[in-house]
PDB file of N, CA and C in Angstrom:
ATOM      1  N   MET A   1      49.324 -48.386 -21.961  1.00  0.00           N
ATOM      2  CA  MET A   1      47.963 -48.089 -22.369  1.00  0.00           C
ATOM      3  C   MET A   1      47.775 -46.595 -22.621  1.00  0.00           C
ATOM      4  N   ASP A   2      48.416 -45.745 -21.800  1.00  0.00           N
ATOM      5  CA  ASP A   2      48.298 -44.304 -22.000  1.00  0.00           C
ATOM      6  C   ASP A   2      48.845 -43.893 -23.359  1.00  0.00           C
ATOM      7  N   ASP A   3      49.918 -44.539 -23.806  1.00  0.00           N
ATOM      8  CA  ASP A   3      50.485 -44.226 -25.119  1.00  0.00           C
ATOM      9  C   ASP A   3      49.482 -44.511 -26.224  1.00  0.00           C
ATOM     10  N   GLU A   4      48.739 -45.601 -26.086  1.00  0.00           N
ATOM     11  CA  GLU A   4      47.737 -45.943 -27.096  1.00  0.00           C
ATOM     12  C   GLU A   4      46.616 -44.909 -27.110  1.00  0.00           C
ATOM     13  N   LEU A   5      46.202 -44.464 -25.924  1.00  0.00           N
ATOM     14  CA  LEU A   5      45.149 -43.446 -25.855  1.00  0.00           C
ATOM     15  C   LEU A   5      45.640 -42.126 -26.440  1.00  0.00           C
ATOM     16  N   ASP A   6      46.896 -41.753 -26.161  1.00  0.00           N
ATOM     17  CA  ASP A   6      47.474 -40.537 -26.735  1.00  0.00           C
ATOM     18  C   ASP A   6      47.546 -40.642 -28.246  1.00  0.00           C
ATOM     19  N   THR A   7      47.969 -41.801 -28.739  1.00  0.00           N
ATOM     20  CA  THR A   7      48.060 -42.009 -30.185  1.00  0.00           C
ATOM     21  C   THR A   7      46.698 -41.867 -30.818  1.00  0.00           C
ATOM     22  N   GLU A   8      45.700 -42.497 -30.225  1.00  0.00           N
ATOM     23  CA  GLU A   8      44.345 -42.411 -30.773  1.00  0.00           C
ATOM     24  C   GLU A   8      43.856 -40.966 -30.769  1.00  0.00           C
ATOM     25  N   ARG A   9      44.103 -40.258 -29.682  1.00  0.00           N
ATOM     26  CA  ARG A   9      43.668 -38.867 -29.588  1.00  0.00           C
ATOM     27  C   ARG A   9      44.333 -38.010 -30.658  1.00  0.00           C
ATOM     28  N   HIS A  10      45.638 -38.209 -30.848  1.00  0.00           N
ATOM     29  CA  HIS A  10      46.372 -37.438 -31.856  1.00  0.00           C
ATOM     30  C   HIS A  10      45.874 -37.756 -33.266  1.00  0.00           C
ATOM     31  N   LEU A  11      45.599 -39.024 -33.529  1.00  0.00           N
ATOM     32  CA  LEU A  11      45.091 -39.400 -34.847  1.00  0.00           C
ATOM     33  C   LEU A  11      43.721 -38.778 -35.100  1.00  0.00           C
ATOM     34  N   ARG A  12      42.873 -38.794 -34.087  1.00  0.00           N
ATOM     35  CA  ARG A  12      41.544 -38.197 -34.245  1.00  0.00           C
ATOM     36  C   ARG A  12      41.646 -36.678 -34.456  1.00  0.00           C
ATOM     37  N   GLU A  13      42.557 -36.031 -33.744  1.00  0.00           N
ATOM     38  CA  GLU A  13      42.763 -34.593 -33.931  1.00  0.00           C
ATOM     39  C   GLU A  13      43.269 -34.303 -35.340  1.00  0.00           C
ATOM     40  N   ALA A  14      44.181 -35.129 -35.821  1.00  0.00           N
ATOM     41  CA  ALA A  14      44.708 -34.946 -37.173  1.00  0.00           C
ATOM     42  C   ALA A  14      43.599 -35.072 -38.210  1.00  0.00           C
ATOM     43  N   LEU A  15      42.734 -36.073 -38.029  1.00  0.00           N
ATOM     44  CA  LEU A  15      41.599 -36.224 -38.945  1.00  0.00           C
ATOM     45  C   LEU A  15      40.698 -34.999 -38.907  1.00  0.00           C
ATOM     46  N   GLY A  16      40.485 -34.470 -37.726  1.00  0.00           N
ATOM     47  CA  GLY A  16      39.652 -33.274 -37.601  1.00  0.00           C
ATOM     48  C   GLY A  16      40.255 -32.091 -38.335  1.00  0.00           C
ATOM     49  N   HIS A  17      41.565 -31.907 -38.208  1.00  0.00           N
ATOM     50  CA  HIS A  17      42.240 -30.807 -38.904  1.00  0.00           C
ATOM     51  C   HIS A  17      42.174 -30.981 -40.418  1.00  0.00           C
ATOM     52  N   LEU A  18      42.371 -32.205 -40.874  1.00  0.00           N
ATOM     53  CA  LEU A  18      42.292 -32.468 -42.316  1.00  0.00           C
ATOM     54  C   LEU A  18      40.893 -32.187 -42.850  1.00  0.00           C
ATOM     55  N   SER A  19      39.898 -32.641 -42.124  1.00  0.00           N
ATOM     56  CA  SER A  19      38.519 -32.420 -42.555  1.00  0.00           C
ATOM     57  C   SER A  19      38.185 -30.933 -42.588  1.00  0.00           C
ATOM     58  N   ALA A  20      38.622 -30.208 -41.581  1.00  0.00           N
ATOM     59  CA  ALA A  20      38.354 -28.768 -41.530  1.00  0.00           C
ATOM     60  C   ALA A  20      39.044 -28.046 -42.689  1.00  0.00           C
ATOM     61  N   ALA A  21      40.276 -28.408 -42.983  1.00  0.00           N
ATOM     62  CA  ALA A  21      41.004 -27.774 -44.086  1.00  0.00           C
ATOM     63  C   ALA A  21      40.303 -28.055 -45.412  1.00  0.00           C
ATOM     64  N   ARG A  22      39.822 -29.266 -45.573  1.00  0.00           N
ATOM     65  CA  ARG A  22      39.115 -29.617 -46.811  1.00  0.00           C
ATOM     66  C   ARG A  22      37.820 -28.812 -46.925  1.00  0.00           C
ATOM     67  N   ARG A  23      37.056 -28.754 -45.835  1.00  0.00           N
ATOM     68  CA  ARG A  23      35.787 -28.009 -45.848  1.00  0.00           C
ATOM     69  C   ARG A  23      36.015 -26.527 -46.147  1.00  0.00           C
ATOM     70  N   ASN A  24      37.085 -25.969 -45.607  1.00  0.00           N
ATOM     71  CA  ASN A  24      37.370 -24.541 -45.778  1.00  0.00           C
ATOM     72  C   ASN A  24      38.029 -24.220 -47.104  1.00  0.00           C
ATOM     73  N   GLY A  25      38.345 -25.254 -47.885  1.00  0.00           N
ATOM     74  CA  GLY A  25      38.993 -25.021 -49.173  1.00  0.00           C
ATOM     75  C   GLY A  25      40.437 -24.578 -49.031  1.00  0.00           C
ATOM     76  N   ASP A  26      41.085 -24.949 -47.935  1.00  0.00           N
ATOM     77  CA  ASP A  26      42.456 -24.538 -47.667  1.00  0.00           C
ATOM     78  C   ASP A  26      43.503 -25.438 -48.309  1.00  0.00           C
ATOM     79  N   LEU A  27      43.069 -26.406 -49.095  1.00  0.00           N
ATOM     80  CA  LEU A  27      44.013 -27.345 -49.682  1.00  0.00           C
ATOM     81  C   LEU A  27      44.050 -27.186 -51.194  1.00  0.00           C
ATOM     82  N   ARG A  28      45.233 -27.283 -51.749  1.00  0.00           N
ATOM     83  CA  ARG A  28      45.330 -27.363 -53.203  1.00  0.00           C
ATOM     84  C   ARG A  28      44.824 -28.731 -53.628  1.00  0.00           C
ATOM     85  N   LYS A  29      44.417 -28.837 -54.873  1.00  0.00           N
ATOM     86  CA  LYS A  29      43.853 -30.112 -55.345  1.00  0.00           C
ATOM     87  C   LYS A  29      44.842 -31.270 -55.189  1.00  0.00           C
ATOM     88  N   THR A  30      46.106 -31.053 -55.550  1.00  0.00           N
ATOM     89  CA  THR A  30      47.076 -32.145 -55.437  1.00  0.00           C
ATOM     90  C   THR A  30      47.289 -32.534 -53.980  1.00  0.00           C
ATOM     91  N   ASN A  31      47.328 -31.547 -53.104  1.00  0.00           N
ATOM     92  CA  ASN A  31      47.477 -31.845 -51.680  1.00  0.00           C
ATOM     93  C   ASN A  31      46.244 -32.561 -51.153  1.00  0.00           C
ATOM     94  N   ALA A  32      45.088 -32.157 -51.630  1.00  0.00           N
ATOM     95  CA  ALA A  32      43.850 -32.763 -51.157  1.00  0.00           C
ATOM     96  C   ALA A  32      43.817 -34.254 -51.478  1.00  0.00           C
ATOM     97  N   VAL A  33      44.282 -34.619 -52.657  1.00  0.00           N
ATOM     98  CA  VAL A  33      44.290 -36.033 -53.047  1.00  0.00           C
ATOM     99  C   VAL A  33      45.244 -36.814 -52.146  1.00  0.00           C
ATOM    100  N   ALA A  34      46.435 -36.282 -51.928  1.00  0.00           N
ATOM    101  CA  ALA A  34      47.410 -36.958 -51.074  1.00  0.00           C
ATOM    102  C   ALA A  34      46.899 -37.057 -49.641  1.00  0.00           C
ATOM    103  N   LEU A  35      46.301 -35.984 -49.144  1.00  0.00           N
ATOM    104  CA  LEU A  35      45.804 -35.998 -47.776  1.00  0.00           C
ATOM    105  C   LEU A  35      44.596 -36.907 -47.610  1.00  0.00           C
ATOM    106  N   GLU A  36      43.844 -37.089 -48.675  1.00  0.00           N
ATOM    107  CA  GLU A  36      42.729 -38.038 -48.607  1.00  0.00           C
ATOM    108  C   GLU A  36      43.264 -39.448 -48.359  1.00  0.00           C
ATOM    109  N   GLU A  37      44.379 -39.775 -48.990  1.00  0.00           N
ATOM    110  CA  GLU A  37      44.998 -41.085 -48.757  1.00  0.00           C
ATOM    111  C   GLU A  37      45.461 -41.209 -47.309  1.00  0.00           C
ATOM    112  N   VAL A  38      46.055 -40.141 -46.786  1.00  0.00           N
ATOM    113  CA  VAL A  38      46.498 -40.147 -45.385  1.00  0.00           C
ATOM    114  C   VAL A  38      45.282 -40.305 -44.470  1.00  0.00           C
ATOM    115  N   GLU A  39      44.237 -39.562 -44.764  1.00  0.00           N
ATOM    116  CA  GLU A  39      43.028 -39.633 -43.958  1.00  0.00           C
ATOM    117  C   GLU A  39      42.456 -41.052 -43.952  1.00  0.00           C
ATOM    118  N   ASN A  40      42.442 -41.690 -45.108  1.00  0.00           N
ATOM    119  CA  ASN A  40      41.946 -43.065 -45.192  1.00  0.00           C
ATOM    120  C   ASN A  40      42.802 -44.009 -44.362  1.00  0.00           C
ATOM    121  N   THR A  41      44.113 -43.819 -44.416  1.00  0.00           N
ATOM    122  CA  THR A  41      45.021 -44.669 -43.645  1.00  0.00           C
ATOM    123  C   THR A  41      44.816 -44.472 -42.150  1.00  0.00           C
ATOM    124  N   VAL A  42      44.723 -43.212 -41.723  1.00  0.00           N
ATOM    125  CA  VAL A  42      44.524 -42.916 -40.301  1.00  0.00           C
ATOM    126  C   VAL A  42      43.187 -43.490 -39.835  1.00  0.00           C
ATOM    127  N   SER A  43      42.166 -43.357 -40.652  1.00  0.00           N
ATOM    128  CA  SER A  43      40.860 -43.913 -40.299  1.00  0.00           C
ATOM    129  C   SER A  43      40.935 -45.430 -40.133  1.00  0.00           C
ATOM    130  N   SER A  44      41.678 -46.071 -41.007  1.00  0.00           N
ATOM    131  CA  SER A  44      41.849 -47.525 -40.908  1.00  0.00           C
ATOM    132  C   SER A  44      42.556 -47.907 -39.616  1.00  0.00           C
ATOM    133  N   VAL A  45      43.575 -47.149 -39.257  1.00  0.00           N
ATOM    134  CA  VAL A  45      44.304 -47.418 -38.007  1.00  0.00           C
ATOM    135  C   VAL A  45      43.367 -47.259 -36.818  1.00  0.00           C
ATOM    136  N   LEU A  46      42.564 -46.206 -36.827  1.00  0.00           N
ATOM    137  CA  LEU A  46      41.633 -46.000 -35.718  1.00  0.00           C
ATOM    138  C   LEU A  46      40.610 -47.124 -35.627  1.00  0.00           C
ATOM    139  N   ARG A  47      40.131 -47.606 -36.762  1.00  0.00           N
ATOM    140  CA  ARG A  47      39.190 -48.730 -36.738  1.00  0.00           C
ATOM    141  C   ARG A  47      39.844 -49.961 -36.122  1.00  0.00           C
ATOM    142  N   GLU A  48      41.118 -50.180 -36.450  1.00  0.00           N
ATOM    143  CA  GLU A  48      41.849 -51.307 -35.856  1.00  0.00           C
ATOM    144  C   GLU A  48      41.949 -51.148 -34.335  1.00  0.00           C
ATOM    145  N   TYR A  49      42.254 -49.931 -33.885  1.00  0.00           N
ATOM    146  CA  TYR A  49      42.316 -49.669 -32.436  1.00  0.00           C
ATOM    147  C   TYR A  49      40.984 -49.992 -31.777  1.00  0.00           C
ATOM    148  N   GLU A  50      39.893 -49.539 -32.417  1.00  0.00           N
ATOM    149  CA  GLU A  50      38.572 -49.743 -31.832  1.00  0.00           C
ATOM    150  C   GLU A  50      38.221 -51.231 -31.790  1.00  0.00           C
ATOM    151  N   ARG A  51      38.590 -51.960 -32.820  1.00  0.00           N
ATOM    152  CA  ARG A  51      38.309 -53.402 -32.860  1.00  0.00           C
ATOM    153  C   ARG A  51      39.121 -54.151 -31.816  1.00  0.00           C
ATOM    154  N   ASP A  52      40.383 -53.754 -31.653  1.00  0.00           N
ATOM    155  CA  ASP A  52      41.269 -54.433 -30.718  1.00  0.00           C
ATOM    156  C   ASP A  52      41.045 -54.001 -29.281  1.00  0.00           C
ATOM    157  N   GLY A  53      40.450 -52.808 -29.123  1.00  0.00           N
ATOM    158  CA  GLY A  53      40.304 -52.219 -27.794  1.00  0.00           C
ATOM    159  C   GLY A  53      39.272 -52.884 -26.987  1.00  0.00           C
TER     160      GLY A  53
END
């Protein structure tokens, strides 16, 4: 169970970093598009955790 909580925490931190980089304009356009896909995937995983939890 601790591994799942660590995974969730790390995913949420990653989303926070991605969002901050986007807000600050620290991403190139091509990177921003790719990272948006990653962000969507991570968000989907977190929703699954919340539903299953």
